[in-house]
PDB file of all heavy atoms in Angstrom:
ATOM      1  N   SER A   1      55.572 -26.891 144.821  1.00  0.00           N
ATOM      2  CA  SER A   1      56.933 -27.166 145.232  1.00  0.00           C
ATOM      3  C   SER A   1      57.441 -26.234 146.269  1.00  0.00           C
ATOM      4  O   SER A   1      57.064 -25.107 146.333  1.00  0.00           O
ATOM      5  CB  SER A   1      57.884 -27.090 143.947  1.00  0.00           C
ATOM      6  OG  SER A   1      57.518 -28.086 142.967  1.00  0.00           O
ATOM      7  N   LEU A   2      58.344 -26.774 147.086  1.00  0.00           N
ATOM      8  CA  LEU A   2      59.033 -25.945 148.033  1.00  0.00           C
ATOM      9  C   LEU A   2      60.424 -25.739 147.459  1.00  0.00           C
ATOM     10  O   LEU A   2      61.099 -26.615 147.039  1.00  0.00           O
ATOM     11  CB  LEU A   2      59.248 -26.618 149.403  1.00  0.00           C
ATOM     12  CG  LEU A   2      57.899 -27.019 150.090  1.00  0.00           C
ATOM     13  CD1 LEU A   2      58.190 -27.554 151.490  1.00  0.00           C
ATOM     14  CD2 LEU A   2      56.984 -25.817 150.272  1.00  0.00           C
ATOM     15  N   TRP A   3      60.801 -24.385 147.420  1.00  0.00           N
ATOM     16  CA  TRP A   3      62.133 -23.999 146.918  1.00  0.00           C
ATOM     17  C   TRP A   3      62.983 -23.615 148.100  1.00  0.00           C
ATOM     18  O   TRP A   3      62.648 -22.714 148.816  1.00  0.00           O
ATOM     19  CB  TRP A   3      61.958 -22.744 145.995  1.00  0.00           C
ATOM     20  CG  TRP A   3      61.202 -23.025 144.735  1.00  0.00           C
ATOM     21  CD1 TRP A   3      59.927 -23.420 144.660  1.00  0.00           C
ATOM     22  CD2 TRP A   3      61.530 -22.828 143.385  1.00  0.00           C
ATOM     23  NE1 TRP A   3      59.430 -23.555 143.429  1.00  0.00           N
ATOM     24  CE2 TRP A   3      60.417 -23.111 142.574  1.00  0.00           C
ATOM     25  CE3 TRP A   3      62.696 -22.426 142.736  1.00  0.00           C
ATOM     26  CZ2 TRP A   3      60.471 -23.089 141.213  1.00  0.00           C
ATOM     27  CZ3 TRP A   3      62.784 -22.238 141.406  1.00  0.00           C
ATOM     28  CH2 TRP A   3      61.633 -22.657 140.650  1.00  0.00           C
ATOM     29  N   LEU A   4      64.064 -24.325 148.344  1.00  0.00           N
ATOM     30  CA  LEU A   4      64.994 -24.051 149.402  1.00  0.00           C
ATOM     31  C   LEU A   4      66.216 -23.349 148.870  1.00  0.00           C
ATOM     32  O   LEU A   4      66.969 -23.928 148.116  1.00  0.00           O
ATOM     33  CB  LEU A   4      65.368 -25.330 150.207  1.00  0.00           C
ATOM     34  CG  LEU A   4      64.257 -26.010 151.020  1.00  0.00           C
ATOM     35  CD1 LEU A   4      63.572 -24.939 152.003  1.00  0.00           C
ATOM     36  CD2 LEU A   4      63.226 -26.733 150.188  1.00  0.00           C
ATOM     37  N   LEU A   5      66.359 -22.065 149.287  1.00  0.00           N
ATOM     38  CA  LEU A   5      67.373 -21.215 148.693  1.00  0.00           C
ATOM     39  C   LEU A   5      68.420 -20.835 149.659  1.00  0.00           C
ATOM     40  O   LEU A   5      68.117 -20.827 150.875  1.00  0.00           O
ATOM     41  CB  LEU A   5      66.694 -19.886 148.208  1.00  0.00           C
ATOM     42  CG  LEU A   5      65.377 -19.979 147.397  1.00  0.00           C
ATOM     43  CD1 LEU A   5      64.869 -18.635 147.083  1.00  0.00           C
ATOM     44  CD2 LEU A   5      65.613 -20.758 146.161  1.00  0.00           C
ATOM     45  N   PRO A   6      69.609 -20.557 149.226  1.00  0.00           N
ATOM     46  CA  PRO A   6      70.621 -20.083 150.105  1.00  0.00           C
ATOM     47  C   PRO A   6      70.195 -18.788 150.752  1.00  0.00           C
ATOM     48  O   PRO A   6      69.625 -17.927 150.129  1.00  0.00           O
ATOM     49  CB  PRO A   6      71.880 -19.849 149.179  1.00  0.00           C
ATOM     50  CG  PRO A   6      71.629 -20.685 147.997  1.00  0.00           C
ATOM     51  CD  PRO A   6      70.096 -20.736 147.819  1.00  0.00           C
ATOM     52  N   SER A   7      70.494 -18.583 152.069  1.00  0.00           N
ATOM     53  CA  SER A   7      70.019 -17.445 152.769  1.00  0.00           C
ATOM     54  C   SER A   7      70.742 -16.148 152.268  1.00  0.00           C
ATOM     55  O   SER A   7      71.936 -16.128 151.941  1.00  0.00           O
ATOM     56  CB  SER A   7      70.223 -17.650 154.266  1.00  0.00           C
ATOM     57  OG  SER A   7      71.584 -17.870 154.526  1.00  0.00           O
ATOM     58  N   SER A   8      69.939 -15.095 152.170  1.00  0.00           N
ATOM     59  CA  SER A   8      70.500 -13.741 151.787  1.00  0.00           C
ATOM     60  C   SER A   8      70.687 -12.836 152.926  1.00  0.00           C
ATOM     61  O   SER A   8      71.306 -11.808 152.823  1.00  0.00           O
ATOM     62  CB  SER A   8      69.647 -13.138 150.758  1.00  0.00           C
ATOM     63  OG  SER A   8      68.333 -12.954 151.206  1.00  0.00           O
ATOM     64  N   ALA A   9      70.050 -13.233 154.072  1.00  0.00           N
ATOM     65  CA  ALA A   9      70.093 -12.342 155.242  1.00  0.00           C
ATOM     66  C   ALA A   9      69.868 -13.175 156.531  1.00  0.00           C
ATOM     67  O   ALA A   9      69.171 -14.261 156.435  1.00  0.00           O
ATOM     68  CB  ALA A   9      69.128 -11.172 155.184  1.00  0.00           C
ATOM     69  N   PRO A  10      70.361 -12.843 157.701  1.00  0.00           N
ATOM     70  CA  PRO A  10      70.064 -13.593 158.888  1.00  0.00           C
ATOM     71  C   PRO A  10      68.614 -13.580 159.168  1.00  0.00           C
ATOM     72  O   PRO A  10      67.910 -12.544 158.873  1.00  0.00           O
ATOM     73  CB  PRO A  10      70.914 -12.863 159.938  1.00  0.00           C
ATOM     74  CG  PRO A  10      71.917 -12.078 159.227  1.00  0.00           C
ATOM     75  CD  PRO A  10      71.252 -11.716 157.899  1.00  0.00           C
ATOM     76  N   LYS A  11      68.128 -14.593 159.767  1.00  0.00           N
ATOM     77  CA  LYS A  11      66.658 -14.596 160.221  1.00  0.00           C
ATOM     78  C   LYS A  11      66.542 -13.919 161.563  1.00  0.00           C
ATOM     79  O   LYS A  11      67.145 -14.263 162.574  1.00  0.00           O
ATOM     80  CB  LYS A  11      66.182 -16.068 160.374  1.00  0.00           C
ATOM     81  CG  LYS A  11      64.680 -16.096 160.552  1.00  0.00           C
ATOM     82  CD  LYS A  11      64.211 -17.594 160.523  1.00  0.00           C
ATOM     83  CE  LYS A  11      62.714 -17.673 160.444  1.00  0.00           C
ATOM     84  NZ  LYS A  11      61.945 -16.717 161.276  1.00  0.00           N
ATOM     85  N   THR A  12      65.802 -12.819 161.491  1.00  0.00           N
ATOM     86  CA  THR A  12      65.636 -12.018 162.756  1.00  0.00           C
ATOM     87  C   THR A  12      64.199 -11.881 163.188  1.00  0.00           C
ATOM     88  O   THR A  12      63.939 -11.372 164.316  1.00  0.00           O
ATOM     89  CB  THR A  12      66.257 -10.601 162.495  1.00  0.00           C
ATOM     90  OG1 THR A  12      65.551  -9.952 161.432  1.00  0.00           O
ATOM     91  CG2 THR A  12      67.708 -10.655 162.156  1.00  0.00           C
ATOM     92  N   ALA A  13      63.276 -12.292 162.395  1.00  0.00           N
ATOM     93  CA  ALA A  13      61.814 -12.165 162.764  1.00  0.00           C
ATOM     94  C   ALA A  13      61.043 -13.277 162.130  1.00  0.00           C
ATOM     95  O   ALA A  13      61.541 -13.994 161.186  1.00  0.00           O
ATOM     96  CB  ALA A  13      61.356 -10.829 162.331  1.00  0.00           C
ATOM     97  N   LYS A  14      59.827 -13.449 162.526  1.00  0.00           N
ATOM     98  CA  LYS A  14      58.908 -14.442 162.073  1.00  0.00           C
ATOM     99  C   LYS A  14      58.746 -14.217 160.525  1.00  0.00           C
ATOM    100  O   LYS A  14      58.568 -13.064 160.091  1.00  0.00           O
ATOM    101  CB  LYS A  14      57.579 -14.382 162.734  1.00  0.00           C
ATOM    102  CG  LYS A  14      56.525 -15.305 162.237  1.00  0.00           C
ATOM    103  CD  LYS A  14      55.231 -15.144 163.063  1.00  0.00           C
ATOM    104  CE  LYS A  14      54.120 -16.062 162.530  1.00  0.00           C
ATOM    105  NZ  LYS A  14      53.588 -15.653 161.204  1.00  0.00           N
ATOM    106  N   ASN A  15      58.714 -15.288 159.786  1.00  0.00           N
ATOM    107  CA  ASN A  15      58.478 -15.129 158.304  1.00  0.00           C
ATOM    108  C   ASN A  15      57.094 -14.662 158.003  1.00  0.00           C
ATOM    109  O   ASN A  15      56.126 -14.921 158.822  1.00  0.00           O
ATOM    110  CB  ASN A  15      58.590 -16.571 157.638  1.00  0.00           C
ATOM    111  CG  ASN A  15      60.096 -16.998 157.465  1.00  0.00           C
ATOM    112  OD1 ASN A  15      60.974 -16.245 157.802  1.00  0.00           O
ATOM    113  ND2 ASN A  15      60.227 -18.200 156.975  1.00  0.00           N
ATOM    114  N   ARG A  16      56.939 -14.015 156.924  1.00  0.00           N
ATOM    115  CA  ARG A  16      55.628 -13.489 156.488  1.00  0.00           C
ATOM    116  C   ARG A  16      54.794 -14.643 155.930  1.00  0.00           C
ATOM    117  O   ARG A  16      53.540 -14.620 155.977  1.00  0.00           O
ATOM    118  CB  ARG A  16      55.781 -12.425 155.409  1.00  0.00           C
ATOM    119  CG  ARG A  16      54.501 -11.733 154.921  1.00  0.00           C
ATOM    120  CD  ARG A  16      54.860 -10.683 153.927  1.00  0.00           C
ATOM    121  NE  ARG A  16      53.770  -9.873 153.638  1.00  0.00           N
ATOM    122  CZ  ARG A  16      53.007 -10.004 152.484  1.00  0.00           C
ATOM    123  NH1 ARG A  16      53.337 -10.910 151.643  1.00  0.00           N
ATOM    124  NH2 ARG A  16      52.023  -9.127 152.265  1.00  0.00           N
ATOM    125  N   ILE A  17      55.428 -15.698 155.436  1.00  0.00           N
ATOM    126  CA  ILE A  17      54.731 -16.852 154.935  1.00  0.00           C
ATOM    127  C   ILE A  17      55.086 -18.061 155.679  1.00  0.00           C
ATOM    128  O   ILE A  17      56.311 -18.260 156.109  1.00  0.00           O
ATOM    129  CB  ILE A  17      55.120 -17.118 153.433  1.00  0.00           C
ATOM    130  CG1 ILE A  17      54.817 -15.907 152.584  1.00  0.00           C
ATOM    131  CG2 ILE A  17      54.429 -18.393 152.877  1.00  0.00           C
ATOM    132  CD1 ILE A  17      55.356 -16.034 151.147  1.00  0.00           C
ATOM    133  N   HIS A  18      54.147 -18.903 156.101  1.00  0.00           N
ATOM    134  CA  HIS A  18      54.418 -20.132 156.755  1.00  0.00           C
ATOM    135  C   HIS A  18      53.507 -21.244 156.246  1.00  0.00           C
ATOM    136  O   HIS A  18      52.467 -20.937 155.604  1.00  0.00           O
ATOM    137  CB  HIS A  18      54.301 -20.016 158.278  1.00  0.00           C
ATOM    138  CG  HIS A  18      52.964 -19.901 158.835  1.00  0.00           C
ATOM    139  ND1 HIS A  18      52.299 -18.680 159.001  1.00  0.00           N
ATOM    140  CD2 HIS A  18      52.029 -20.843 159.220  1.00  0.00           C
ATOM    141  CE1 HIS A  18      51.056 -18.916 159.523  1.00  0.00           C
ATOM    142  NE2 HIS A  18      50.881 -20.247 159.613  1.00  0.00           N
ATOM    143  N   LEU A  19      53.768 -22.464 156.585  1.00  0.00           N
ATOM    144  CA  LEU A  19      53.054 -23.623 156.053  1.00  0.00           C
ATOM    145  C   LEU A  19      52.247 -24.188 157.244  1.00  0.00           C
ATOM    146  O   LEU A  19      52.760 -24.258 158.408  1.00  0.00           O
ATOM    147  CB  LEU A  19      54.008 -24.746 155.546  1.00  0.00           C
ATOM    148  CG  LEU A  19      54.901 -24.305 154.433  1.00  0.00           C
ATOM    149  CD1 LEU A  19      55.822 -25.498 154.027  1.00  0.00           C
ATOM    150  CD2 LEU A  19      54.240 -23.731 153.241  1.00  0.00           C
ATOM    151  N   ASP A  20      50.997 -24.557 157.008  1.00  0.00           N
ATOM    152  CA  ASP A  20      50.155 -25.311 157.934  1.00  0.00           C
ATOM    153  C   ASP A  20      50.066 -26.728 157.525  1.00  0.00           C
ATOM    154  O   ASP A  20      49.660 -27.023 156.394  1.00  0.00           O
ATOM    155  CB  ASP A  20      48.778 -24.737 158.007  1.00  0.00           C
ATOM    156  CG  ASP A  20      48.655 -23.483 158.897  1.00  0.00           C
ATOM    157  OD1 ASP A  20      49.618 -23.142 159.576  1.00  0.00           O
ATOM    158  OD2 ASP A  20      47.617 -22.895 158.905  1.00  0.00           O
ATOM    159  N   LEU A  21      50.459 -27.667 158.363  1.00  0.00           N
ATOM    160  CA  LEU A  21      50.402 -29.123 158.128  1.00  0.00           C
ATOM    161  C   LEU A  21      49.110 -29.649 158.652  1.00  0.00           C
ATOM    162  O   LEU A  21      48.678 -29.303 159.775  1.00  0.00           O
ATOM    163  CB  LEU A  21      51.548 -29.820 158.734  1.00  0.00           C
ATOM    164  CG  LEU A  21      52.846 -29.862 157.829  1.00  0.00           C
ATOM    165  CD1 LEU A  21      53.347 -28.459 157.540  1.00  0.00           C
ATOM    166  CD2 LEU A  21      53.983 -30.612 158.552  1.00  0.00           C
ATOM    167  N   ALA A  22      48.517 -30.571 157.926  1.00  0.00           N
ATOM    168  CA  ALA A  22      47.242 -31.253 158.397  1.00  0.00           C
ATOM    169  C   ALA A  22      47.566 -32.081 159.598  1.00  0.00           C
ATOM    170  O   ALA A  22      48.577 -32.786 159.659  1.00  0.00           O
ATOM    171  CB  ALA A  22      46.667 -32.079 157.297  1.00  0.00           C
ATOM    172  N   GLY A  23      46.701 -32.067 160.595  1.00  0.00           N
ATOM    173  CA  GLY A  23      46.880 -32.761 161.850  1.00  0.00           C
ATOM    174  C   GLY A  23      46.228 -34.144 161.922  1.00  0.00           C
ATOM    175  O   GLY A  23      46.293 -34.865 162.934  1.00  0.00           O
ATOM    176  N   GLY A  24      45.601 -34.572 160.793  1.00  0.00           N
ATOM    177  CA  GLY A  24      45.019 -35.880 160.801  1.00  0.00           C
ATOM    178  C   GLY A  24      43.618 -35.909 161.375  1.00  0.00           C
ATOM    179  O   GLY A  24      42.933 -34.846 161.466  1.00  0.00           O
ATOM    180  N   ALA A  25      43.195 -37.083 161.757  1.00  0.00           N
ATOM    181  CA  ALA A  25      41.809 -37.310 162.254  1.00  0.00           C
ATOM    182  C   ALA A  25      41.554 -37.036 163.684  1.00  0.00           C
ATOM    183  O   ALA A  25      40.381 -36.853 164.059  1.00  0.00           O
ATOM    184  CB  ALA A  25      41.339 -38.768 161.852  1.00  0.00           C
ATOM    185  N   ASP A  26      42.597 -37.169 164.460  1.00  0.00           N
ATOM    186  CA  ASP A  26      42.335 -36.949 165.923  1.00  0.00           C
ATOM    187  C   ASP A  26      43.647 -36.464 166.616  1.00  0.00           C
ATOM    188  O   ASP A  26      44.704 -36.227 165.880  1.00  0.00           O
ATOM    189  CB  ASP A  26      41.880 -38.194 166.631  1.00  0.00           C
ATOM    190  CG  ASP A  26      42.775 -39.416 166.360  1.00  0.00           C
ATOM    191  OD1 ASP A  26      43.996 -39.245 166.366  1.00  0.00           O
ATOM    192  OD2 ASP A  26      42.278 -40.503 166.212  1.00  0.00           O
ATOM    193  N   ALA A  27      43.595 -36.191 167.896  1.00  0.00           N
ATOM    194  CA  ALA A  27      44.716 -35.640 168.598  1.00  0.00           C
ATOM    195  C   ALA A  27      45.924 -36.518 168.524  1.00  0.00           C
ATOM    196  O   ALA A  27      47.062 -36.035 168.583  1.00  0.00           O
ATOM    197  CB  ALA A  27      44.327 -35.373 170.097  1.00  0.00           C
ATOM    198  N   ARG A  28      45.717 -37.869 168.492  1.00  0.00           N
ATOM    199  CA  ARG A  28      46.911 -38.789 168.411  1.00  0.00           C
ATOM    200  C   ARG A  28      47.616 -38.580 167.094  1.00  0.00           C
ATOM    201  O   ARG A  28      48.843 -38.633 166.986  1.00  0.00           O
ATOM    202  CB  ARG A  28      46.454 -40.178 168.594  1.00  0.00           C
ATOM    203  CG  ARG A  28      45.987 -40.538 169.959  1.00  0.00           C
ATOM    204  CD  ARG A  28      45.486 -41.924 170.094  1.00  0.00           C
ATOM    205  NE  ARG A  28      44.265 -42.109 169.235  1.00  0.00           N
ATOM    206  CZ  ARG A  28      43.625 -43.272 169.160  1.00  0.00           C
ATOM    207  NH1 ARG A  28      44.067 -44.361 169.793  1.00  0.00           N
ATOM    208  NH2 ARG A  28      42.599 -43.382 168.393  1.00  0.00           N
TER     209      ARG A  28
END
């Protein structure tokens, strides 16, 4: 599950955790 929480601080830098989405079978 993804938990979307109210922000506790402004975003100032890249997150330590990120998601990679599958790109499918080809460039299209």
